[in-house]
Amino acid sequence: MDDRIIQQYKEDEYIMIQLFVQWCMNHDLNPTELYDLAYPGQMKNEALLQAMEDSEKGSLEVDTETVLHVLQLFGNDDLAFIVSEKATQIK
């Protein structure tokens, strides 16, 4: 049971990363640059890099509110703050 819960969390977390990457790509922003702004000095995020390879600009429309909500659900408040700032600049 514990393994299943852990696996489900990892899958949900990857979906969050994919949504973030898709939002960035749709707004011509570099996901790794935004991630680095939120979490300076952290090692490469392999899931982020994989999501970038798996995503294509414009393949899915993701609104800012959805990205912010999902990021906050996973405790990525610093990244949500950066996304919010960039969204304000885009408007």
PDB file of N, CA and C in Angstrom:
ATOM      1  N   MET A   1       0.818  -1.193   0.000  1.00  0.00           N
ATOM      2  CA  MET A   1       0.000   0.000   0.000  1.00  0.00           C
ATOM      3  C   MET A   1       0.866   1.262   0.000  1.00  0.00           C
ATOM      4  N   ASP A   2       1.914   1.283   0.843  1.00  0.00           N
ATOM      5  CA  ASP A   2       2.792   2.443   0.908  1.00  0.00           C
ATOM      6  C   ASP A   2       3.470   2.714  -0.429  1.00  0.00           C
ATOM      7  N   ASP A   3       3.902   1.646  -1.105  1.00  0.00           N
ATOM      8  CA  ASP A   3       4.555   1.806  -2.409  1.00  0.00           C
ATOM      9  C   ASP A   3       3.599   2.429  -3.420  1.00  0.00           C
ATOM     10  N   ARG A   4       2.344   2.044  -3.368  1.00  0.00           N
ATOM     11  CA  ARG A   4       1.346   2.576  -4.299  1.00  0.00           C
ATOM     12  C   ARG A   4       1.117   4.069  -4.039  1.00  0.00           C
ATOM     13  N   ILE A   5       1.065   4.456  -2.786  1.00  0.00           N
ATOM     14  CA  ILE A   5       0.875   5.867  -2.424  1.00  0.00           C
ATOM     15  C   ILE A   5       2.064   6.695  -2.903  1.00  0.00           C
ATOM     16  N   ILE A   6       3.257   6.178  -2.694  1.00  0.00           N
ATOM     17  CA  ILE A   6       4.466   6.874  -3.136  1.00  0.00           C
ATOM     18  C   ILE A   6       4.482   7.009  -4.649  1.00  0.00           C
ATOM     19  N   GLN A   7       4.141   5.935  -5.350  1.00  0.00           N
ATOM     20  CA  GLN A   7       4.109   5.961  -6.816  1.00  0.00           C
ATOM     21  C   GLN A   7       3.082   6.965  -7.327  1.00  0.00           C
ATOM     22  N   GLN A   8       1.911   6.997  -6.707  1.00  0.00           N
ATOM     23  CA  GLN A   8       0.865   7.933  -7.125  1.00  0.00           C
ATOM     24  C   GLN A   8       1.316   9.379  -6.908  1.00  0.00           C
ATOM     25  N   TYR A   9       1.990   9.642  -5.790  1.00  0.00           N
ATOM     26  CA  TYR A   9       2.494  10.981  -5.521  1.00  0.00           C
ATOM     27  C   TYR A   9       3.499  11.400  -6.588  1.00  0.00           C
ATOM     28  N   LYS A  10       4.403  10.491  -6.949  1.00  0.00           N
ATOM     29  CA  LYS A  10       5.409  10.794  -7.974  1.00  0.00           C
ATOM     30  C   LYS A  10       4.747  11.091  -9.314  1.00  0.00           C
ATOM     31  N   GLU A  11       3.716  10.331  -9.645  1.00  0.00           N
ATOM     32  CA  GLU A  11       3.004  10.561 -10.904  1.00  0.00           C
ATOM     33  C   GLU A  11       2.300  11.922 -10.880  1.00  0.00           C
ATOM     34  N   ASP A  12       1.661  12.233  -9.770  1.00  0.00           N
ATOM     35  CA  ASP A  12       0.982  13.522  -9.646  1.00  0.00           C
ATOM     36  C   ASP A  12       1.986  14.675  -9.685  1.00  0.00           C
ATOM     37  N   GLU A  13       3.127  14.477  -9.041  1.00  0.00           N
ATOM     38  CA  GLU A  13       4.167  15.496  -9.036  1.00  0.00           C
ATOM     39  C   GLU A  13       4.676  15.741 -10.464  1.00  0.00           C
ATOM     40  N   TYR A  14       4.816  14.690 -11.247  1.00  0.00           N
ATOM     41  CA  TYR A  14       5.285  14.852 -12.626  1.00  0.00           C
ATOM     42  C   TYR A  14       4.252  15.616 -13.461  1.00  0.00           C
ATOM     43  N   ILE A  15       2.977  15.374 -13.203  1.00  0.00           N
ATOM     44  CA  ILE A  15       1.930  16.126 -13.899  1.00  0.00           C
ATOM     45  C   ILE A  15       2.044  17.614 -13.560  1.00  0.00           C
ATOM     46  N   MET A  16       2.323  17.922 -12.284  1.00  0.00           N
ATOM     47  CA  MET A  16       2.527  19.311 -11.874  1.00  0.00           C
ATOM     48  C   MET A  16       3.688  19.924 -12.644  1.00  0.00           C
ATOM     49  N   ILE A  17       4.767  19.186 -12.763  1.00  0.00           N
ATOM     50  CA  ILE A  17       5.946  19.675 -13.482  1.00  0.00           C
ATOM     51  C   ILE A  17       5.612  19.888 -14.950  1.00  0.00           C
ATOM     52  N   GLN A  18       4.872  18.957 -15.543  1.00  0.00           N
ATOM     53  CA  GLN A  18       4.487  19.093 -16.949  1.00  0.00           C
ATOM     54  C   GLN A  18       3.638  20.346 -17.163  1.00  0.00           C
ATOM     55  N   LEU A  19       2.717  20.611 -16.260  1.00  0.00           N
ATOM     56  CA  LEU A  19       1.877  21.811 -16.384  1.00  0.00           C
ATOM     57  C   LEU A  19       2.717  23.077 -16.293  1.00  0.00           C
ATOM     58  N   PHE A  20       3.658  23.094 -15.358  1.00  0.00           N
ATOM     59  CA  PHE A  20       4.557  24.237 -15.226  1.00  0.00           C
ATOM     60  C   PHE A  20       5.367  24.438 -16.505  1.00  0.00           C
ATOM     61  N   VAL A  21       5.945  23.369 -17.009  1.00  0.00           N
ATOM     62  CA  VAL A  21       6.758  23.446 -18.232  1.00  0.00           C
ATOM     63  C   VAL A  21       5.907  23.926 -19.405  1.00  0.00           C
ATOM     64  N   GLN A  22       4.713  23.376 -19.543  1.00  0.00           N
ATOM     65  CA  GLN A  22       3.842  23.756 -20.656  1.00  0.00           C
ATOM     66  C   GLN A  22       3.477  25.234 -20.566  1.00  0.00           C
ATOM     67  N   TRP A  23       3.157  25.718 -19.367  1.00  0.00           N
ATOM     68  CA  TRP A  23       2.831  27.128 -19.184  1.00  0.00           C
ATOM     69  C   TRP A  23       4.020  27.990 -19.601  1.00  0.00           C
ATOM     70  N   CYS A  24       5.209  27.605 -19.151  1.00  0.00           N
ATOM     71  CA  CYS A  24       6.418  28.366 -19.516  1.00  0.00           C
ATOM     72  C   CYS A  24       6.621  28.389 -21.023  1.00  0.00           C
ATOM     73  N   MET A  25       6.535  27.241 -21.639  1.00  0.00           N
ATOM     74  CA  MET A  25       6.768  27.159 -23.083  1.00  0.00           C
ATOM     75  C   MET A  25       5.742  27.983 -23.852  1.00  0.00           C
ATOM     76  N   ASN A  26       4.504  27.950 -23.398  1.00  0.00           N
ATOM     77  CA  ASN A  26       3.452  28.709 -24.082  1.00  0.00           C
ATOM     78  C   ASN A  26       3.651  30.211 -23.954  1.00  0.00           C
ATOM     79  N   HIS A  27       4.440  30.629 -22.962  1.00  0.00           N
ATOM     80  CA  HIS A  27       4.710  32.054 -22.761  1.00  0.00           C
ATOM     81  C   HIS A  27       6.161  32.416 -23.092  1.00  0.00           C
ATOM     82  N   ASP A  28       6.801  31.545 -23.839  1.00  0.00           N
ATOM     83  CA  ASP A  28       8.193  31.762 -24.271  1.00  0.00           C
ATOM     84  C   ASP A  28       9.138  32.039 -23.103  1.00  0.00           C
ATOM     85  N   LEU A  29       8.943  31.295 -22.022  1.00  0.00           N
ATOM     86  CA  LEU A  29       9.799  31.399 -20.843  1.00  0.00           C
ATOM     87  C   LEU A  29      10.575  30.091 -20.681  1.00  0.00           C
ATOM     88  N   ASN A  30      11.768  30.193 -20.140  1.00  0.00           N
ATOM     89  CA  ASN A  30      12.593  29.017 -19.923  1.00  0.00           C
ATOM     90  C   ASN A  30      12.281  28.439 -18.543  1.00  0.00           C
ATOM     91  N   PRO A  31      11.724  27.222 -18.485  1.00  0.00           N
ATOM     92  CA  PRO A  31      11.359  26.634 -17.202  1.00  0.00           C
ATOM     93  C   PRO A  31      12.527  26.481 -16.230  1.00  0.00           C
ATOM     94  N   THR A  32      13.705  26.147 -16.733  1.00  0.00           N
ATOM     95  CA  THR A  32      14.847  25.976 -15.831  1.00  0.00           C
ATOM     96  C   THR A  32      15.294  27.314 -15.238  1.00  0.00           C
ATOM     97  N   GLU A  33      15.179  28.390 -16.010  1.00  0.00           N
ATOM     98  CA  GLU A  33      15.538  29.708 -15.486  1.00  0.00           C
ATOM     99  C   GLU A  33      14.586  30.124 -14.363  1.00  0.00           C
ATOM    100  N   LEU A  34      13.292  29.898 -14.548  1.00  0.00           N
ATOM    101  CA  LEU A  34      12.328  30.233 -13.508  1.00  0.00           C
ATOM    102  C   LEU A  34      12.544  29.359 -12.274  1.00  0.00           C
ATOM    103  N   TYR A  35      12.814  28.086 -12.501  1.00  0.00           N
ATOM    104  CA  TYR A  35      13.074  27.160 -11.387  1.00  0.00           C
ATOM    105  C   TYR A  35      14.302  27.613 -10.605  1.00  0.00           C
ATOM    106  N   ASP A  36      15.335  28.015 -11.330  1.00  0.00           N
ATOM    107  CA  ASP A  36      16.563  28.485 -10.676  1.00  0.00           C
ATOM    108  C   ASP A  36      16.338  29.778  -9.887  1.00  0.00           C
ATOM    109  N   LEU A  37      15.445  30.642 -10.367  1.00  0.00           N
ATOM    110  CA  LEU A  37      15.107  31.856  -9.623  1.00  0.00           C
ATOM    111  C   LEU A  37      14.430  31.505  -8.295  1.00  0.00           C
ATOM    112  N   ALA A  38      13.559  30.509  -8.350  1.00  0.00           N
ATOM    113  CA  ALA A  38      12.827  30.110  -7.149  1.00  0.00           C
ATOM    114  C   ALA A  38      13.695  29.320  -6.186  1.00  0.00           C
ATOM    115  N   TYR A  39      14.564  28.487  -6.727  1.00  0.00           N
ATOM    116  CA  TYR A  39      15.385  27.590  -5.916  1.00  0.00           C
ATOM    117  C   TYR A  39      16.854  27.687  -6.321  1.00  0.00           C
ATOM    118  N   PRO A  40      17.480  28.826  -6.038  1.00  0.00           N
ATOM    119  CA  PRO A  40      18.879  29.010  -6.460  1.00  0.00           C
ATOM    120  C   PRO A  40      19.798  27.999  -5.764  1.00  0.00           C
ATOM    121  N   GLY A  41      20.750  27.519  -6.529  1.00  0.00           N
ATOM    122  CA  GLY A  41      21.750  26.623  -5.965  1.00  0.00           C
ATOM    123  C   GLY A  41      21.353  25.169  -5.889  1.00  0.00           C
ATOM    124  N   GLN A  42      20.116  24.842  -6.266  1.00  0.00           N
ATOM    125  CA  GLN A  42      19.724  23.432  -6.240  1.00  0.00           C
ATOM    126  C   GLN A  42      20.298  22.702  -7.442  1.00  0.00           C
ATOM    127  N   MET A  43      20.445  21.409  -7.279  1.00  0.00           N
ATOM    128  CA  MET A  43      20.944  20.573  -8.368  1.00  0.00           C
ATOM    129  C   MET A  43      19.919  20.541  -9.497  1.00  0.00           C
ATOM    130  N   LYS A  44      20.351  20.057 -10.654  1.00  0.00           N
ATOM    131  CA  LYS A  44      19.442  19.913 -11.783  1.00  0.00           C
ATOM    132  C   LYS A  44      18.246  19.069 -11.367  1.00  0.00           C
ATOM    133  N   ASN A  45      17.090  19.470 -11.824  1.00  0.00           N
ATOM    134  CA  ASN A  45      15.876  18.718 -11.568  1.00  0.00           C
ATOM    135  C   ASN A  45      15.626  17.835 -12.782  1.00  0.00           C
ATOM    136  N   GLU A  46      15.915  16.558 -12.643  1.00  0.00           N
ATOM    137  CA  GLU A  46      15.804  15.627 -13.772  1.00  0.00           C
ATOM    138  C   GLU A  46      14.371  15.526 -14.289  1.00  0.00           C
ATOM    139  N   ALA A  47      13.397  15.576 -13.391  1.00  0.00           N
ATOM    140  CA  ALA A  47      12.000  15.505 -13.822  1.00  0.00           C
ATOM    141  C   ALA A  47      11.638  16.734 -14.659  1.00  0.00           C
ATOM    142  N   LEU A  48      12.177  17.881 -14.285  1.00  0.00           N
ATOM    143  CA  LEU A  48      11.939  19.107 -15.044  1.00  0.00           C
ATOM    144  C   LEU A  48      12.543  18.988 -16.446  1.00  0.00           C
ATOM    145  N   LEU A  49      13.755  18.493 -16.515  1.00  0.00           N
ATOM    146  CA  LEU A  49      14.406  18.316 -17.816  1.00  0.00           C
ATOM    147  C   LEU A  49      13.656  17.318 -18.683  1.00  0.00           C
ATOM    148  N   GLN A  50      13.156  16.243 -18.069  1.00  0.00           N
ATOM    149  CA  GLN A  50      12.394  15.238 -18.813  1.00  0.00           C
ATOM    150  C   GLN A  50      11.086  15.835 -19.323  1.00  0.00           C
ATOM    151  N   ALA A  51      10.422  16.611 -18.490  1.00  0.00           N
ATOM    152  CA  ALA A  51       9.170  17.240 -18.906  1.00  0.00           C
ATOM    153  C   ALA A  51       9.395  18.210 -20.057  1.00  0.00           C
ATOM    154  N   MET A  52      10.545  18.884 -20.050  1.00  0.00           N
ATOM    155  CA  MET A  52      10.865  19.795 -21.149  1.00  0.00           C
ATOM    156  C   MET A  52      11.034  19.026 -22.454  1.00  0.00           C
ATOM    157  N   GLU A  53      11.634  17.852 -22.373  1.00  0.00           N
ATOM    158  CA  GLU A  53      11.793  17.025 -23.570  1.00  0.00           C
ATOM    159  C   GLU A  53      10.448  16.501 -24.066  1.00  0.00           C
ATOM    160  N   ASP A  54       9.544  16.226 -23.129  1.00  0.00           N
ATOM    161  CA  ASP A  54       8.253  15.634 -23.460  1.00  0.00           C
ATOM    162  C   ASP A  54       7.221  16.647 -23.937  1.00  0.00           C
ATOM    163  N   SER A  55       7.496  17.933 -23.745  1.00  0.00           N
ATOM    164  CA  SER A  55       6.502  18.972 -24.035  1.00  0.00           C
ATOM    165  C   SER A  55       6.787  19.673 -25.352  1.00  0.00           C
ATOM    166  N   GLU A  56       5.720  20.190 -25.912  1.00  0.00           N
ATOM    167  CA  GLU A  56       5.815  20.936 -27.164  1.00  0.00           C
ATOM    168  C   GLU A  56       4.981  22.205 -27.025  1.00  0.00           C
ATOM    169  N   LYS A  57       5.554  23.330 -27.395  1.00  0.00           N
ATOM    170  CA  LYS A  57       4.854  24.607 -27.271  1.00  0.00           C
ATOM    171  C   LYS A  57       3.495  24.555 -27.954  1.00  0.00           C
ATOM    172  N   GLY A  58       2.478  25.008 -27.233  1.00  0.00           N
ATOM    173  CA  GLY A  58       1.138  25.091 -27.794  1.00  0.00           C
ATOM    174  C   GLY A  58       0.360  23.792 -27.814  1.00  0.00           C
ATOM    175  N   SER A  59       0.954  22.695 -27.342  1.00  0.00           N
ATOM    176  CA  SER A  59       0.247  21.417 -27.405  1.00  0.00           C
ATOM    177  C   SER A  59      -0.878  21.327 -26.381  1.00  0.00           C
ATOM    178  N   LEU A  60      -0.798  22.151 -25.334  1.00  0.00           N
ATOM    179  CA  LEU A  60      -1.835  22.178 -24.307  1.00  0.00           C
ATOM    180  C   LEU A  60      -1.915  23.583 -23.753  1.00  0.00           C
ATOM    181  N   GLU A  61      -3.100  24.137 -23.689  1.00  0.00           N
ATOM    182  CA  GLU A  61      -3.291  25.472 -23.124  1.00  0.00           C
ATOM    183  C   GLU A  61      -3.447  25.337 -21.616  1.00  0.00           C
ATOM    184  N   VAL A  62      -2.572  25.994 -20.874  1.00  0.00           N
ATOM    185  CA  VAL A  62      -2.596  25.944 -19.411  1.00  0.00           C
ATOM    186  C   VAL A  62      -2.702  27.366 -18.893  1.00  0.00           C
ATOM    187  N   ASP A  63      -3.762  27.642 -18.131  1.00  0.00           N
ATOM    188  CA  ASP A  63      -3.904  29.008 -17.625  1.00  0.00           C
ATOM    189  C   ASP A  63      -3.080  29.201 -16.352  1.00  0.00           C
ATOM    190  N   THR A  64      -2.778  30.433 -16.082  1.00  0.00           N
ATOM    191  CA  THR A  64      -1.912  30.796 -14.957  1.00  0.00           C
ATOM    192  C   THR A  64      -2.488  30.337 -13.625  1.00  0.00           C
ATOM    193  N   GLU A  65      -3.780  30.479 -13.441  1.00  0.00           N
ATOM    194  CA  GLU A  65      -4.397  30.097 -12.173  1.00  0.00           C
ATOM    195  C   GLU A  65      -4.219  28.613 -11.893  1.00  0.00           C
ATOM    196  N   THR A  66      -4.319  27.789 -12.920  1.00  0.00           N
ATOM    197  CA  THR A  66      -4.135  26.348 -12.757  1.00  0.00           C
ATOM    198  C   THR A  66      -2.717  26.033 -12.332  1.00  0.00           C
ATOM    199  N   VAL A  67      -1.751  26.646 -12.989  1.00  0.00           N
ATOM    200  CA  VAL A  67      -0.343  26.411 -12.641  1.00  0.00           C
ATOM    201  C   VAL A  67      -0.085  26.839 -11.199  1.00  0.00           C
ATOM    202  N   LEU A  68      -0.550  28.007 -10.828  1.00  0.00           N
ATOM    203  CA  LEU A  68      -0.332  28.495  -9.465  1.00  0.00           C
ATOM    204  C   LEU A  68      -0.959  27.556  -8.437  1.00  0.00           C
ATOM    205  N   HIS A  69      -2.170  27.125  -8.704  1.00  0.00           N
ATOM    206  CA  HIS A  69      -2.867  26.228  -7.781  1.00  0.00           C
ATOM    207  C   HIS A  69      -2.118  24.910  -7.605  1.00  0.00           C
ATOM    208  N   VAL A  70      -1.719  24.314  -8.707  1.00  0.00           N
ATOM    209  CA  VAL A  70      -1.028  23.025  -8.647  1.00  0.00           C
ATOM    210  C   VAL A  70       0.335  23.169  -7.969  1.00  0.00           C
ATOM    211  N   LEU A  71       1.069  24.218  -8.281  1.00  0.00           N
ATOM    212  CA  LEU A  71       2.358  24.433  -7.631  1.00  0.00           C
ATOM    213  C   LEU A  71       2.188  24.565  -6.119  1.00  0.00           C
ATOM    214  N   GLN A  72       1.193  25.300  -5.699  1.00  0.00           N
ATOM    215  CA  GLN A  72       0.964  25.493  -4.273  1.00  0.00           C
ATOM    216  C   GLN A  72       0.499  24.209  -3.598  1.00  0.00           C
ATOM    217  N   LEU A  73      -0.270  23.380  -4.303  1.00  0.00           N
ATOM    218  CA  LEU A  73      -0.687  22.092  -3.741  1.00  0.00           C
ATOM    219  C   LEU A  73       0.512  21.230  -3.368  1.00  0.00           C
ATOM    220  N   PHE A  74       1.575  21.345  -4.146  1.00  0.00           N
ATOM    221  CA  PHE A  74       2.768  20.545  -3.900  1.00  0.00           C
ATOM    222  C   PHE A  74       3.818  21.294  -3.076  1.00  0.00           C
ATOM    223  N   GLY A  75       3.434  22.435  -2.517  1.00  0.00           N
ATOM    224  CA  GLY A  75       4.330  23.172  -1.631  1.00  0.00           C
ATOM    225  C   GLY A  75       5.414  23.957  -2.337  1.00  0.00           C
ATOM    226  N   ASN A  76       5.230  24.209  -3.624  1.00  0.00           N
ATOM    227  CA  ASN A  76       6.198  24.981  -4.399  1.00  0.00           C
ATOM    228  C   ASN A  76       5.814  26.460  -4.399  1.00  0.00           C
ATOM    229  N   ASP A  77       5.705  27.021  -3.197  1.00  0.00           N
ATOM    230  CA  ASP A  77       5.266  28.405  -3.061  1.00  0.00           C
ATOM    231  C   ASP A  77       6.251  29.392  -3.682  1.00  0.00           C
ATOM    232  N   ASP A  78       7.544  29.111  -3.561  1.00  0.00           N
ATOM    233  CA  ASP A  78       8.542  30.011  -4.149  1.00  0.00           C
ATOM    234  C   ASP A  78       8.422  30.046  -5.670  1.00  0.00           C
ATOM    235  N   LEU A  79       8.215  28.891  -6.263  1.00  0.00           N
ATOM    236  CA  LEU A  79       8.055  28.824  -7.717  1.00  0.00           C
ATOM    237  C   LEU A  79       6.728  29.469  -8.134  1.00  0.00           C
ATOM    238  N   ALA A  80       5.688  29.271  -7.346  1.00  0.00           N
ATOM    239  CA  ALA A  80       4.398  29.907  -7.639  1.00  0.00           C
ATOM    240  C   ALA A  80       4.541  31.429  -7.608  1.00  0.00           C
ATOM    241  N   PHE A  81       5.335  31.939  -6.684  1.00  0.00           N
ATOM    242  CA  PHE A  81       5.570  33.378  -6.601  1.00  0.00           C
ATOM    243  C   PHE A  81       6.249  33.884  -7.872  1.00  0.00           C
ATOM    244  N   ILE A  82       7.262  33.150  -8.357  1.00  0.00           N
ATOM    245  CA  ILE A  82       7.967  33.542  -9.587  1.00  0.00           C
ATOM    246  C   ILE A  82       7.013  33.505 -10.773  1.00  0.00           C
ATOM    247  N   VAL A  83       6.199  32.457 -10.855  1.00  0.00           N
ATOM    248  CA  VAL A  83       5.224  32.351 -11.950  1.00  0.00           C
ATOM    249  C   VAL A  83       4.258  33.531 -11.893  1.00  0.00           C
ATOM    250  N   SER A  84       3.797  33.861 -10.706  1.00  0.00           N
ATOM    251  CA  SER A  84       2.879  34.975 -10.551  1.00  0.00           C
ATOM    252  C   SER A  84       3.509  36.291 -11.020  1.00  0.00           C
ATOM    253  N   GLU A  85       4.765  36.505 -10.648  1.00  0.00           N
ATOM    254  CA  GLU A  85       5.476  37.718 -11.094  1.00  0.00           C
ATOM    255  C   GLU A  85       5.596  37.758 -12.619  1.00  0.00           C
ATOM    256  N   LYS A  86       5.978  36.628 -13.209  1.00  0.00           N
ATOM    257  CA  LYS A  86       6.135  36.585 -14.674  1.00  0.00           C
ATOM    258  C   LYS A  86       4.791  36.780 -15.362  1.00  0.00           C
ATOM    259  N   ALA A  87       3.732  36.211 -14.805  1.00  0.00           N
ATOM    260  CA  ALA A  87       2.399  36.365 -15.396  1.00  0.00           C
ATOM    261  C   ALA A  87       1.981  37.828 -15.392  1.00  0.00           C
ATOM    262  N   THR A  88       2.314  38.547 -14.336  1.00  0.00           N
ATOM    263  CA  THR A  88       2.012  39.974 -14.264  1.00  0.00           C
ATOM    264  C   THR A  88       2.767  40.748 -15.328  1.00  0.00           C
ATOM    265  N   GLN A  89       4.016  40.374 -15.572  1.00  0.00           N
ATOM    266  CA  GLN A  89       4.834  41.035 -16.589  1.00  0.00           C
ATOM    267  C   GLN A  89       4.314  40.743 -17.997  1.00  0.00           C
ATOM    268  N   ILE A  90       3.744  39.572 -18.187  1.00  0.00           N
ATOM    269  CA  ILE A  90       3.255  39.160 -19.512  1.00  0.00           C
ATOM    270  C   ILE A  90       2.026  39.972 -19.895  1.00  0.00           C
ATOM    271  N   LYS A  91       1.168  40.262 -18.923  1.00  0.00           N
ATOM    272  CA  LYS A  91      -0.105  40.940 -19.214  1.00  0.00           C
ATOM    273  C   LYS A  91       0.083  42.303 -19.733  1.00  0.00           C
TER     274      LYS A  91
END
